[in-house]
Amino acid sequence: MTRRFRTVVVAGAVGVLVVGATTAGLITGLVGAEEPAAPTEPETKTVHVTRGDLRQTQELPGELGYGTPITVMSRSEGIITWLPSAGVVVARGEELYRVDDSPVAILYGDLPMYRTLKDDGVTPLLSGRDVDLVAENLTRLGYYDGPTDGTSYGRALSDAVATWQEACGLVGTGVLAPTDVVVTRGPVRIEQVIAQVGGDAAGETMTLTSTEKIIVLQATPEIAKSLAPGASVLVTLVDGTRVRAGVVSLGQQAVSAEVEGPPTVPVTVEVHRPKDVARAALGPVTAQFTTASATDVLSVPVTALLALSGGGYALERPDETLVPVTLGMIVDGLVEVEGIEAGATVVIAA
């Protein structure tokens, strides 16, 4: 079957009845005897079979910000006497807030302080990951030069803590309690201040975020299965700028969407070059990622396909020859085909 239209023209005479004003008879004759012009056959449209890559993509909504905030819980007994402002960045060794006018400082690590460290000369020396954490931080701050792996909370480390306490304006006791520090993974940014100066110290004090801008996408659980840490995404920022980024982590549980629709899984992505978003406005973004791809394949527009009566599909050459083809991926109006040579000319629907 061909897409060309054939037109048959039938010429004929049209009889018209004319009533004369001054005659008594009827006269029949031909009116408009010119034969209509034959319609022209539509021009056949063709394309070439091309070789290249095809990619199926998916878009996800997201937000450029500083990541999911974490809440700081204070277990101190006393009164809040100082709090930072939202947006302030606090680094290792710096005070995060004050209780009874004593600073609560930040140390870096992945384990919260869970016991009081001291060397009283009586009880056995303490050791463990929390001791190593303190030793590592005081080394970075320049107060300790001893071992930081498998060390004990002995005189050397206790004296280093005492020196650090004095530098912070405290009495150098060498005793470090869990309420004296807040452990974070790195520098933090104050997202929101919850507590109030003059209020009880125990309870929620503030929320913290990373100091680096990151992007959190929202994916359905089904789409999240096709993503993995390291997967590449192309992110369109608020101003239309596009930046390359990679998936860092996926949320463990689906959360209810704020709007009607299926639950979503948070997908955290990080731009390859932080300077690309250093001055970018915070707000909604769109991320595009590849869900499937075919490399070095032949393709034609979908409109070139002809359904065969016995099943399957074919392409039509300009000489009306049909070439059966096997179909593959369909992307953006193009379909992958096998069974025809690259560069071949085929007919497409007008």
C-alpha atoms as a PDB file:
ATOM      1  CA  MET A   1       0.000   0.000   0.000  1.00  0.00           C
ATOM      2  CA  THR A   2       1.237   3.521  -0.778  1.00  0.00           C
ATOM      3  CA  ARG A   3       0.550   6.835   0.870  1.00  0.00           C
ATOM      4  CA  ARG A   4       0.109   8.563  -2.523  1.00  0.00           C
ATOM      5  CA  PHE A   5      -3.370   9.761  -3.343  1.00  0.00           C
ATOM      6  CA  ARG A   6      -4.750   9.018  -6.864  1.00  0.00           C
ATOM      7  CA  THR A   7      -7.632  11.095  -8.175  1.00  0.00           C
ATOM      8  CA  VAL A   8     -10.042  10.072 -11.016  1.00  0.00           C
ATOM      9  CA  VAL A   9     -11.682  12.973 -12.832  1.00  0.00           C
ATOM     10  CA  VAL A  10     -15.078  12.406 -14.486  1.00  0.00           C
ATOM     11  CA  ALA A  11     -16.134  15.136 -16.990  1.00  0.00           C
ATOM     12  CA  GLY A  12     -19.844  15.723 -17.613  1.00  0.00           C
ATOM     13  CA  ALA A  13     -22.457  18.239 -18.760  1.00  0.00           C
ATOM     14  CA  VAL A  14     -24.785  19.951 -16.373  1.00  0.00           C
ATOM     15  CA  GLY A  15     -28.323  20.564 -17.575  1.00  0.00           C
ATOM     16  CA  VAL A  16     -29.935  23.809 -16.522  1.00  0.00           C
ATOM     17  CA  LEU A  17     -33.553  24.772 -16.898  1.00  0.00           C
ATOM     18  CA  VAL A  18     -33.946  28.328 -18.207  1.00  0.00           C
ATOM     19  CA  VAL A  19     -37.294  30.112 -18.181  1.00  0.00           C
ATOM     20  CA  GLY A  20     -37.440  32.875 -20.795  1.00  0.00           C
ATOM     21  CA  ALA A  21     -39.330  36.067 -19.988  1.00  0.00           C
ATOM     22  CA  THR A  22     -40.744  36.458 -23.486  1.00  0.00           C
ATOM     23  CA  THR A  23     -40.893  32.914 -24.756  1.00  0.00           C
ATOM     24  CA  ALA A  24     -43.568  30.302 -24.273  1.00  0.00           C
ATOM     25  CA  GLY A  25     -41.308  27.242 -24.535  1.00  0.00           C
ATOM     26  CA  LEU A  26     -38.697  25.469 -22.455  1.00  0.00           C
ATOM     27  CA  ILE A  27     -35.126  25.490 -23.670  1.00  0.00           C
ATOM     28  CA  THR A  28     -32.531  23.091 -22.350  1.00  0.00           C
ATOM     29  CA  GLY A  29     -28.872  23.611 -22.897  1.00  0.00           C
ATOM     30  CA  LEU A  30     -25.404  23.463 -21.405  1.00  0.00           C
ATOM     31  CA  VAL A  31     -24.302  26.002 -18.846  1.00  0.00           C
ATOM     32  CA  GLY A  32     -20.672  26.258 -17.683  1.00  0.00           C
ATOM     33  CA  ALA A  33     -19.479  23.598 -20.043  1.00  0.00           C
ATOM     34  CA  GLU A  34     -15.786  24.087 -19.104  1.00  0.00           C
ATOM     35  CA  GLU A  35     -14.247  20.864 -17.721  1.00  0.00           C
ATOM     36  CA  PRO A  36     -12.847  21.306 -14.142  1.00  0.00           C
ATOM     37  CA  ALA A  37      -9.087  21.055 -13.758  1.00  0.00           C
ATOM     38  CA  ALA A  38      -7.771  17.713 -12.504  1.00  0.00           C
ATOM     39  CA  PRO A  39      -6.434  17.946  -8.874  1.00  0.00           C
ATOM     40  CA  THR A  40      -2.699  17.518  -8.577  1.00  0.00           C
ATOM     41  CA  GLU A  41      -1.228  14.536  -6.750  1.00  0.00           C
ATOM     42  CA  PRO A  42       0.261  15.520  -3.364  1.00  0.00           C
ATOM     43  CA  GLU A  43       4.030  15.701  -3.196  1.00  0.00           C
ATOM     44  CA  THR A  44       5.620  12.673  -1.530  1.00  0.00           C
ATOM     45  CA  LYS A  45       7.574  13.557   1.617  1.00  0.00           C
ATOM     46  CA  THR A  46      10.698  11.590   2.441  1.00  0.00           C
ATOM     47  CA  VAL A  47      13.385  11.373   5.116  1.00  0.00           C
ATOM     48  CA  HIS A  48      16.658   9.510   5.508  1.00  0.00           C
ATOM     49  CA  VAL A  49      17.318   6.680   7.921  1.00  0.00           C
ATOM     50  CA  THR A  50      19.855   8.119  10.390  1.00  0.00           C
ATOM     51  CA  ARG A  51      22.364   6.554  12.778  1.00  0.00           C
ATOM     52  CA  GLY A  52      22.904   7.886  16.298  1.00  0.00           C
ATOM     53  CA  ASP A  53      22.002   7.544  19.986  1.00  0.00           C
ATOM     54  CA  LEU A  54      18.512   7.543  21.487  1.00  0.00           C
ATOM     55  CA  ARG A  55      17.754   8.339  25.116  1.00  0.00           C
ATOM     56  CA  GLN A  56      14.573   8.137  27.149  1.00  0.00           C
ATOM     57  CA  THR A  57      14.461  10.770  29.883  1.00  0.00           C
ATOM     58  CA  GLN A  58      12.343  11.516  32.934  1.00  0.00           C
ATOM     59  CA  GLU A  59      11.825  14.849  34.685  1.00  0.00           C
ATOM     60  CA  LEU A  60      11.508  15.257  38.443  1.00  0.00           C
ATOM     61  CA  PRO A  61      10.606  18.323  40.516  1.00  0.00           C
ATOM     62  CA  GLY A  62      12.930  19.425  43.292  1.00  0.00           C
ATOM     63  CA  GLU A  63      14.202  22.230  45.451  1.00  0.00           C
ATOM     64  CA  LEU A  64      17.557  23.996  45.642  1.00  0.00           C
ATOM     65  CA  GLY A  65      18.392  24.674  49.274  1.00  0.00           C
ATOM     66  CA  TYR A  66      20.719  23.634  52.055  1.00  0.00           C
ATOM     67  CA  GLY A  67      19.334  20.162  52.609  1.00  0.00           C
ATOM     68  CA  THR A  68      17.047  18.702  55.226  1.00  0.00           C
ATOM     69  CA  PRO A  69      17.463  20.541  58.560  1.00  0.00           C
ATOM     70  CA  ILE A  70      18.416  18.644  61.708  1.00  0.00           C
ATOM     71  CA  THR A  71      17.192  19.691  65.131  1.00  0.00           C
ATOM     72  CA  VAL A  72      19.609  20.345  68.000  1.00  0.00           C
ATOM     73  CA  MET A  73      18.303  18.976  71.288  1.00  0.00           C
ATOM     74  CA  SER A  74      19.862  20.416  74.444  1.00  0.00           C
ATOM     75  CA  ARG A  75      20.051  18.334  77.596  1.00  0.00           C
ATOM     76  CA  SER A  76      21.606  21.098  79.659  1.00  0.00           C
ATOM     77  CA  GLU A  77      20.022  22.261  82.904  1.00  0.00           C
ATOM     78  CA  GLY A  78      20.068  26.022  83.004  1.00  0.00           C
ATOM     79  CA  ILE A  79      19.038  29.137  81.139  1.00  0.00           C
ATOM     80  CA  ILE A  80      19.779  30.020  77.508  1.00  0.00           C
ATOM     81  CA  THR A  81      21.908  33.183  77.640  1.00  0.00           C
ATOM     82  CA  TRP A  82      22.929  33.566  73.993  1.00  0.00           C
ATOM     83  CA  LEU A  83      21.772  32.294  70.592  1.00  0.00           C
ATOM     84  CA  PRO A  84      23.104  32.878  67.056  1.00  0.00           C
ATOM     85  CA  SER A  85      21.067  34.387  64.222  1.00  0.00           C
ATOM     86  CA  ALA A  86      19.566  32.416  61.361  1.00  0.00           C
ATOM     87  CA  GLY A  87      21.943  32.136  58.423  1.00  0.00           C
ATOM     88  CA  VAL A  88      25.125  32.228  60.526  1.00  0.00           C
ATOM     89  CA  VAL A  89      27.770  29.565  59.799  1.00  0.00           C
ATOM     90  CA  VAL A  90      29.441  27.868  62.775  1.00  0.00           C
ATOM     91  CA  ALA A  91      32.626  25.794  62.426  1.00  0.00           C
ATOM     92  CA  ARG A  92      34.686  23.423  64.577  1.00  0.00           C
ATOM     93  CA  GLY A  93      35.509  24.755  68.040  1.00  0.00           C
ATOM     94  CA  GLU A  94      33.149  27.719  67.774  1.00  0.00           C
ATOM     95  CA  GLU A  95      30.250  28.237  70.153  1.00  0.00           C
ATOM     96  CA  LEU A  96      26.784  27.306  68.966  1.00  0.00           C
ATOM     97  CA  TYR A  97      24.866  28.743  71.925  1.00  0.00           C
ATOM     98  CA  ARG A  98      25.391  29.558  75.620  1.00  0.00           C
ATOM     99  CA  VAL A  99      23.833  28.077  78.734  1.00  0.00           C
ATOM    100  CA  ASP A 100      24.332  29.973  82.006  1.00  0.00           C
ATOM    101  CA  ASP A 101      26.836  32.062  80.008  1.00  0.00           C
ATOM    102  CA  SER A 102      28.998  28.986  79.266  1.00  0.00           C
ATOM    103  CA  PRO A 103      29.592  28.181  75.570  1.00  0.00           C
ATOM    104  CA  VAL A 104      28.394  24.965  73.954  1.00  0.00           C
ATOM    105  CA  ALA A 105      30.817  24.376  71.089  1.00  0.00           C
ATOM    106  CA  ILE A 106      30.835  22.352  67.896  1.00  0.00           C
ATOM    107  CA  LEU A 107      33.096  19.348  67.296  1.00  0.00           C
ATOM    108  CA  TYR A 108      33.178  17.359  64.042  1.00  0.00           C
ATOM    109  CA  GLY A 109      32.388  13.657  63.874  1.00  0.00           C
ATOM    110  CA  ASP A 110      29.734  11.045  63.252  1.00  0.00           C
ATOM    111  CA  LEU A 111      29.139   9.962  66.856  1.00  0.00           C
ATOM    112  CA  PRO A 112      27.361  12.088  69.475  1.00  0.00           C
ATOM    113  CA  MET A 113      28.986  12.506  72.856  1.00  0.00           C
ATOM    114  CA  TYR A 114      27.235  10.035  75.133  1.00  0.00           C
ATOM    115  CA  ARG A 115      29.318  10.012  78.337  1.00  0.00           C
ATOM    116  CA  THR A 116      31.452  12.325  80.470  1.00  0.00           C
ATOM    117  CA  LEU A 117      35.181  12.069  79.762  1.00  0.00           C
ATOM    118  CA  LYS A 118      37.562  12.670  82.669  1.00  0.00           C
ATOM    119  CA  ASP A 119      40.819  11.488  84.190  1.00  0.00           C
ATOM    120  CA  ASP A 120      40.419  11.407  87.967  1.00  0.00           C
ATOM    121  CA  GLY A 121      43.460   9.280  88.630  1.00  0.00           C
ATOM    122  CA  VAL A 122      41.305   6.579  90.226  1.00  0.00           C
ATOM    123  CA  THR A 123      39.041   4.946  87.644  1.00  0.00           C
ATOM    124  CA  PRO A 124      40.530   3.164  84.613  1.00  0.00           C
ATOM    125  CA  LEU A 125      41.252   5.403  81.644  1.00  0.00           C
ATOM    126  CA  LEU A 126      38.413   5.639  79.138  1.00  0.00           C
ATOM    127  CA  SER A 127      38.924   4.756  75.488  1.00  0.00           C
ATOM    128  CA  GLY A 128      36.662   4.397  72.474  1.00  0.00           C
ATOM    129  CA  ARG A 129      35.367   6.238  69.444  1.00  0.00           C
ATOM    130  CA  ASP A 130      34.221   9.223  71.477  1.00  0.00           C
ATOM    131  CA  VAL A 131      37.703   9.614  72.975  1.00  0.00           C
ATOM    132  CA  ASP A 132      39.269   9.392  69.501  1.00  0.00           C
ATOM    133  CA  LEU A 133      36.768  12.005  68.287  1.00  0.00           C
ATOM    134  CA  VAL A 134      37.855  14.479  70.973  1.00  0.00           C
ATOM    135  CA  ALA A 135      41.530  13.771  70.304  1.00  0.00           C
ATOM    136  CA  GLU A 136      41.078  14.339  66.549  1.00  0.00           C
ATOM    137  CA  ASN A 137      39.203  17.612  67.052  1.00  0.00           C
ATOM    138  CA  LEU A 138      41.705  19.029  69.549  1.00  0.00           C
ATOM    139  CA  THR A 139      44.511  18.074  67.187  1.00  0.00           C
ATOM    140  CA  ARG A 140      42.783  20.033  64.405  1.00  0.00           C
ATOM    141  CA  LEU A 141      42.292  22.962  66.770  1.00  0.00           C
ATOM    142  CA  GLY A 142      45.977  22.916  67.748  1.00  0.00           C
ATOM    143  CA  TYR A 143      45.625  21.881  71.401  1.00  0.00           C
ATOM    144  CA  TYR A 144      46.779  18.243  71.209  1.00  0.00           C
ATOM    145  CA  ASP A 145      49.611  16.418  69.444  1.00  0.00           C
ATOM    146  CA  GLY A 146      49.163  12.860  70.704  1.00  0.00           C
ATOM    147  CA  PRO A 147      47.616   9.769  69.094  1.00  0.00           C
ATOM    148  CA  THR A 148      44.082  10.072  67.724  1.00  0.00           C
ATOM    149  CA  ASP A 149      43.329   6.413  66.973  1.00  0.00           C
ATOM    150  CA  GLY A 150      42.805   4.025  69.862  1.00  0.00           C
ATOM    151  CA  THR A 151      43.910   6.618  72.387  1.00  0.00           C
ATOM    152  CA  SER A 152      42.899   6.866  76.049  1.00  0.00           C
ATOM    153  CA  TYR A 153      41.506   9.809  77.968  1.00  0.00           C
ATOM    154  CA  GLY A 154      44.615  10.227  80.082  1.00  0.00           C
ATOM    155  CA  ARG A 155      46.628  13.164  81.370  1.00  0.00           C
ATOM    156  CA  ALA A 156      47.788  14.386  77.945  1.00  0.00           C
ATOM    157  CA  LEU A 157      44.306  14.545  76.436  1.00  0.00           C
ATOM    158  CA  SER A 158      42.732  15.836  79.644  1.00  0.00           C
ATOM    159  CA  ASP A 159      45.267  18.667  79.788  1.00  0.00           C
ATOM    160  CA  ALA A 160      44.556  19.513  76.125  1.00  0.00           C
ATOM    161  CA  VAL A 161      40.836  19.757  76.925  1.00  0.00           C
ATOM    162  CA  ALA A 162      41.601  22.000  79.908  1.00  0.00           C
ATOM    163  CA  THR A 163      43.699  24.317  77.738  1.00  0.00           C
ATOM    164  CA  TRP A 164      40.912  24.513  75.160  1.00  0.00           C
ATOM    165  CA  GLN A 165      38.353  25.266  77.888  1.00  0.00           C
ATOM    166  CA  GLU A 166      40.467  28.135  79.194  1.00  0.00           C
ATOM    167  CA  ALA A 167      40.782  29.536  75.654  1.00  0.00           C
ATOM    168  CA  CYS A 168      36.959  29.530  75.519  1.00  0.00           C
ATOM    169  CA  GLY A 169      36.755  31.514  78.755  1.00  0.00           C
ATOM    170  CA  LEU A 170      35.900  28.544  80.963  1.00  0.00           C
ATOM    171  CA  VAL A 171      37.569  27.003  83.964  1.00  0.00           C
ATOM    172  CA  GLY A 172      40.029  24.417  82.671  1.00  0.00           C
ATOM    173  CA  THR A 173      38.779  21.320  84.427  1.00  0.00           C
ATOM    174  CA  GLY A 174      39.746  18.817  81.734  1.00  0.00           C
ATOM    175  CA  VAL A 175      36.324  17.210  82.173  1.00  0.00           C
ATOM    176  CA  LEU A 176      34.152  17.075  79.039  1.00  0.00           C
ATOM    177  CA  ALA A 177      30.442  16.307  79.392  1.00  0.00           C
ATOM    178  CA  PRO A 178      27.949  15.513  76.587  1.00  0.00           C
ATOM    179  CA  THR A 179      26.173  18.812  77.310  1.00  0.00           C
ATOM    180  CA  ASP A 180      29.391  20.773  76.631  1.00  0.00           C
ATOM    181  CA  VAL A 181      29.507  20.119  72.874  1.00  0.00           C
ATOM    182  CA  VAL A 182      27.344  19.411  69.824  1.00  0.00           C
ATOM    183  CA  VAL A 183      28.841  16.998  67.283  1.00  0.00           C
ATOM    184  CA  THR A 184      28.186  17.679  63.587  1.00  0.00           C
ATOM    185  CA  ARG A 185      29.666  16.270  60.388  1.00  0.00           C
ATOM    186  CA  GLY A 186      31.174  19.604  59.406  1.00  0.00           C
ATOM    187  CA  PRO A 187      30.471  23.338  59.376  1.00  0.00           C
ATOM    188  CA  VAL A 188      26.797  24.084  59.843  1.00  0.00           C
ATOM    189  CA  ARG A 189      24.418  26.869  58.929  1.00  0.00           C
ATOM    190  CA  ILE A 190      21.729  28.038  61.355  1.00  0.00           C
ATOM    191  CA  GLU A 191      18.435  27.426  59.573  1.00  0.00           C
ATOM    192  CA  GLN A 192      16.001  28.395  62.346  1.00  0.00           C
ATOM    193  CA  VAL A 193      16.344  29.441  65.988  1.00  0.00           C
ATOM    194  CA  ILE A 194      13.705  27.723  68.129  1.00  0.00           C
ATOM    195  CA  ALA A 195      14.736  28.492  71.725  1.00  0.00           C
ATOM    196  CA  GLN A 196      14.660  31.946  73.276  1.00  0.00           C
ATOM    197  CA  VAL A 197      17.236  33.778  75.343  1.00  0.00           C
ATOM    198  CA  GLY A 198      16.096  33.525  78.940  1.00  0.00           C
ATOM    199  CA  GLY A 199      14.257  30.278  78.369  1.00  0.00           C
ATOM    200  CA  ASP A 200      15.042  26.834  79.753  1.00  0.00           C
ATOM    201  CA  ALA A 201      18.012  25.249  78.022  1.00  0.00           C
ATOM    202  CA  ALA A 202      16.581  21.724  77.925  1.00  0.00           C
ATOM    203  CA  GLY A 203      14.716  20.973  74.704  1.00  0.00           C
ATOM    204  CA  GLU A 204      14.888  22.000  71.052  1.00  0.00           C
ATOM    205  CA  THR A 205      17.239  24.938  70.500  1.00  0.00           C
ATOM    206  CA  MET A 206      17.605  25.341  66.720  1.00  0.00           C
ATOM    207  CA  THR A 207      17.767  23.592  63.362  1.00  0.00           C
ATOM    208  CA  LEU A 208      20.974  23.234  61.351  1.00  0.00           C
ATOM    209  CA  THR A 209      21.756  22.563  57.705  1.00  0.00           C
ATOM    210  CA  SER A 210      24.807  22.022  55.585  1.00  0.00           C
ATOM    211  CA  THR A 211      26.689  25.124  54.462  1.00  0.00           C
ATOM    212  CA  GLU A 212      26.706  23.866  50.872  1.00  0.00           C
ATOM    213  CA  LYS A 213      23.694  24.251  48.613  1.00  0.00           C
ATOM    214  CA  ILE A 214      22.225  20.940  47.590  1.00  0.00           C
ATOM    215  CA  ILE A 215      19.228  19.806  45.582  1.00  0.00           C
ATOM    216  CA  VAL A 216      16.535  17.468  46.856  1.00  0.00           C
ATOM    217  CA  LEU A 217      14.280  15.906  44.215  1.00  0.00           C
ATOM    218  CA  GLN A 218      10.971  14.168  44.792  1.00  0.00           C
ATOM    219  CA  ALA A 219      10.538  10.835  42.988  1.00  0.00           C
ATOM    220  CA  THR A 220       7.818   8.220  43.146  1.00  0.00           C
ATOM    221  CA  PRO A 221       9.004   4.924  44.638  1.00  0.00           C
ATOM    222  CA  GLU A 222       8.895   3.332  41.165  1.00  0.00           C
ATOM    223  CA  ILE A 223      11.099   6.008  39.595  1.00  0.00           C
ATOM    224  CA  ALA A 224      13.430   6.013  42.611  1.00  0.00           C
ATOM    225  CA  LYS A 225      14.230   2.356  41.859  1.00  0.00           C
ATOM    226  CA  SER A 226      15.837   3.440  38.577  1.00  0.00           C
ATOM    227  CA  LEU A 227      18.139   5.885  40.383  1.00  0.00           C
ATOM    228  CA  ALA A 228      21.274   5.078  42.352  1.00  0.00           C
ATOM    229  CA  PRO A 229      24.104   7.075  43.961  1.00  0.00           C
ATOM    230  CA  GLY A 230      26.331   8.385  41.206  1.00  0.00           C
ATOM    231  CA  ALA A 231      23.596   8.630  38.576  1.00  0.00           C
ATOM    232  CA  SER A 232      23.921  11.775  36.470  1.00  0.00           C
ATOM    233  CA  VAL A 233      21.145  14.374  36.228  1.00  0.00           C
ATOM    234  CA  LEU A 234      20.754  17.667  34.389  1.00  0.00           C
ATOM    235  CA  VAL A 235      19.179  20.304  36.639  1.00  0.00           C
ATOM    236  CA  THR A 236      17.376  23.427  35.448  1.00  0.00           C
ATOM    237  CA  LEU A 237      17.624  26.189  38.063  1.00  0.00           C
ATOM    238  CA  VAL A 238      15.125  28.947  38.836  1.00  0.00           C
ATOM    239  CA  ASP A 239      16.698  31.303  36.284  1.00  0.00           C
ATOM    240  CA  GLY A 240      16.772  28.648  33.552  1.00  0.00           C
ATOM    241  CA  THR A 241      20.467  27.830  33.930  1.00  0.00           C
ATOM    242  CA  ARG A 242      21.312  24.140  33.495  1.00  0.00           C
ATOM    243  CA  VAL A 243      23.929  22.434  35.653  1.00  0.00           C
ATOM    244  CA  ARG A 244      25.242  18.894  35.868  1.00  0.00           C
ATOM    245  CA  ALA A 245      24.754  17.017  39.118  1.00  0.00           C
ATOM    246  CA  GLY A 246      24.932  13.524  40.559  1.00  0.00           C
ATOM    247  CA  VAL A 247      22.710  11.528  42.906  1.00  0.00           C
ATOM    248  CA  VAL A 248      24.180  11.386  46.422  1.00  0.00           C
ATOM    249  CA  SER A 249      21.537   9.467  48.349  1.00  0.00           C
ATOM    250  CA  LEU A 250      17.935   8.285  48.301  1.00  0.00           C
ATOM    251  CA  GLY A 251      15.491   8.485  51.189  1.00  0.00           C
ATOM    252  CA  GLN A 252      14.733   5.200  52.896  1.00  0.00           C
ATOM    253  CA  GLN A 253      10.982   5.696  53.121  1.00  0.00           C
ATOM    254  CA  ALA A 254       8.312   7.264  50.965  1.00  0.00           C
ATOM    255  CA  VAL A 255       6.766  10.408  52.409  1.00  0.00           C
ATOM    256  CA  SER A 256       3.368  11.880  51.680  1.00  0.00           C
ATOM    257  CA  ALA A 257       3.407  14.536  48.990  1.00  0.00           C
ATOM    258  CA  GLU A 258       2.359  18.056  49.985  1.00  0.00           C
ATOM    259  CA  VAL A 259      -0.042  18.094  47.077  1.00  0.00           C
ATOM    260  CA  GLU A 260      -2.420  15.470  45.789  1.00  0.00           C
ATOM    261  CA  GLY A 261      -0.666  12.545  44.193  1.00  0.00           C
ATOM    262  CA  PRO A 262       1.395   9.470  45.067  1.00  0.00           C
ATOM    263  CA  PRO A 263       3.925   9.464  47.921  1.00  0.00           C
ATOM    264  CA  THR A 264       7.470  10.469  47.031  1.00  0.00           C
ATOM    265  CA  VAL A 265      11.014   9.515  47.957  1.00  0.00           C
ATOM    266  CA  PRO A 266      13.524  12.344  48.550  1.00  0.00           C
ATOM    267  CA  VAL A 267      16.528  12.065  46.237  1.00  0.00           C
ATOM    268  CA  THR A 268      19.516  14.223  47.195  1.00  0.00           C
ATOM    269  CA  VAL A 269      21.750  15.369  44.334  1.00  0.00           C
ATOM    270  CA  GLU A 270      24.893  17.457  44.404  1.00  0.00           C
ATOM    271  CA  VAL A 271      26.151  19.671  41.580  1.00  0.00           C
ATOM    272  CA  HIS A 272      29.511  18.704  40.128  1.00  0.00           C
ATOM    273  CA  ARG A 273      30.813  22.267  40.436  1.00  0.00           C
ATOM    274  CA  PRO A 274      29.540  24.049  43.585  1.00  0.00           C
ATOM    275  CA  LYS A 275      30.384  27.427  42.055  1.00  0.00           C
ATOM    276  CA  ASP A 276      27.590  26.814  39.526  1.00  0.00           C
ATOM    277  CA  VAL A 277      25.015  27.313  42.280  1.00  0.00           C
ATOM    278  CA  ALA A 278      26.975  29.557  44.671  1.00  0.00           C
ATOM    279  CA  ARG A 279      24.912  32.581  43.668  1.00  0.00           C
ATOM    280  CA  ALA A 280      21.853  30.771  42.386  1.00  0.00           C
ATOM    281  CA  ALA A 281      18.495  31.695  43.872  1.00  0.00           C
ATOM    282  CA  LEU A 282      16.949  29.139  46.186  1.00  0.00           C
ATOM    283  CA  GLY A 283      13.703  27.639  45.002  1.00  0.00           C
ATOM    284  CA  PRO A 284      12.088  25.013  42.775  1.00  0.00           C
ATOM    285  CA  VAL A 285      14.146  23.213  40.143  1.00  0.00           C
ATOM    286  CA  THR A 286      13.575  20.521  37.543  1.00  0.00           C
ATOM    287  CA  ALA A 287      15.958  17.611  37.021  1.00  0.00           C
ATOM    288  CA  GLN A 288      16.187  15.425  33.943  1.00  0.00           C
ATOM    289  CA  PHE A 289      17.803  11.998  33.944  1.00  0.00           C
ATOM    290  CA  THR A 290      18.152   9.137  31.476  1.00  0.00           C
ATOM    291  CA  THR A 291      15.987   6.088  32.131  1.00  0.00           C
ATOM    292  CA  ALA A 292      17.032   4.073  29.051  1.00  0.00           C
ATOM    293  CA  SER A 293      19.362   4.524  26.093  1.00  0.00           C
ATOM    294  CA  ALA A 294      20.336   2.929  22.805  1.00  0.00           C
ATOM    295  CA  THR A 295      23.749   3.677  21.320  1.00  0.00           C
ATOM    296  CA  ASP A 296      24.659   3.786  17.634  1.00  0.00           C
ATOM    297  CA  VAL A 297      21.264   2.695  16.291  1.00  0.00           C
ATOM    298  CA  LEU A 298      19.216   3.485  13.185  1.00  0.00           C
ATOM    299  CA  SER A 299      16.062   5.564  13.555  1.00  0.00           C
ATOM    300  CA  VAL A 300      13.284   7.212  11.565  1.00  0.00           C
ATOM    301  CA  PRO A 301      10.281   9.370  12.465  1.00  0.00           C
ATOM    302  CA  VAL A 302       7.348   7.334  13.781  1.00  0.00           C
ATOM    303  CA  THR A 303       5.269   8.730  10.902  1.00  0.00           C
ATOM    304  CA  ALA A 304       7.376   6.668   8.482  1.00  0.00           C
ATOM    305  CA  LEU A 305       6.002   3.382   9.822  1.00  0.00           C
ATOM    306  CA  LEU A 306       3.418   1.353   7.868  1.00  0.00           C
ATOM    307  CA  ALA A 307       1.416  -1.345   9.662  1.00  0.00           C
ATOM    308  CA  LEU A 308       1.410  -4.566   7.630  1.00  0.00           C
ATOM    309  CA  SER A 309      -1.809  -6.521   7.231  1.00  0.00           C
ATOM    310  CA  GLY A 310      -0.151  -9.700   8.469  1.00  0.00           C
ATOM    311  CA  GLY A 311       1.356  -7.982  11.495  1.00  0.00           C
ATOM    312  CA  GLY A 312       4.543  -6.029  11.997  1.00  0.00           C
ATOM    313  CA  TYR A 313       5.744  -2.827  10.386  1.00  0.00           C
ATOM    314  CA  ALA A 314       7.518  -1.714   7.245  1.00  0.00           C
ATOM    315  CA  LEU A 315       9.127   1.340   5.709  1.00  0.00           C
ATOM    316  CA  GLU A 316       8.291   2.490   2.186  1.00  0.00           C
ATOM    317  CA  ARG A 317      10.938   3.520  -0.312  1.00  0.00           C
ATOM    318  CA  PRO A 318      10.096   6.225  -2.896  1.00  0.00           C
ATOM    319  CA  ASP A 319       9.614   3.485  -5.536  1.00  0.00           C
ATOM    320  CA  GLU A 320       6.809   2.036  -3.340  1.00  0.00           C
ATOM    321  CA  THR A 321       8.920  -0.938  -2.217  1.00  0.00           C
ATOM    322  CA  LEU A 322       8.090  -1.990   1.344  1.00  0.00           C
ATOM    323  CA  VAL A 323      10.928  -2.983   3.691  1.00  0.00           C
ATOM    324  CA  PRO A 324       9.855  -4.905   6.829  1.00  0.00           C
ATOM    325  CA  VAL A 325      11.631  -3.604   9.941  1.00  0.00           C
ATOM    326  CA  THR A 326      11.955  -4.538  13.596  1.00  0.00           C
ATOM    327  CA  LEU A 327      11.180  -1.768  16.073  1.00  0.00           C
ATOM    328  CA  GLY A 328      13.093  -0.787  19.186  1.00  0.00           C
ATOM    329  CA  MET A 329      13.050   2.245  21.460  1.00  0.00           C
ATOM    330  CA  ILE A 330      10.652   5.107  20.728  1.00  0.00           C
ATOM    331  CA  VAL A 331      11.799   8.553  21.873  1.00  0.00           C
ATOM    332  CA  ASP A 332      10.476  12.034  21.052  1.00  0.00           C
ATOM    333  CA  GLY A 333       8.809  10.998  17.808  1.00  0.00           C
ATOM    334  CA  LEU A 334      11.722   8.806  16.640  1.00  0.00           C
ATOM    335  CA  VAL A 335      11.721   5.018  16.543  1.00  0.00           C
ATOM    336  CA  GLU A 336      14.691   2.650  16.478  1.00  0.00           C
ATOM    337  CA  VAL A 337      14.562   0.290  13.458  1.00  0.00           C
ATOM    338  CA  GLU A 338      16.468  -2.734  12.195  1.00  0.00           C
ATOM    339  CA  GLY A 339      16.263  -4.257   8.738  1.00  0.00           C
ATOM    340  CA  ILE A 340      17.166  -1.294   6.546  1.00  0.00           C
ATOM    341  CA  GLU A 341      20.448   0.410   5.694  1.00  0.00           C
ATOM    342  CA  ALA A 342      21.636   3.727   7.111  1.00  0.00           C
ATOM    343  CA  GLY A 343      21.012   6.672   4.790  1.00  0.00           C
ATOM    344  CA  ALA A 344      18.122   4.988   2.987  1.00  0.00           C
ATOM    345  CA  THR A 345      15.338   7.295   1.798  1.00  0.00           C
ATOM    346  CA  VAL A 346      11.859   6.427   3.087  1.00  0.00           C
ATOM    347  CA  VAL A 347       8.403   7.964   2.734  1.00  0.00           C
ATOM    348  CA  ILE A 348       6.661   9.636   5.675  1.00  0.00           C
ATOM    349  CA  ALA A 349       3.019  10.563   6.117  1.00  0.00           C
ATOM    350  CA  ALA A 350       2.090  13.873   4.541  1.00  0.00           C
END
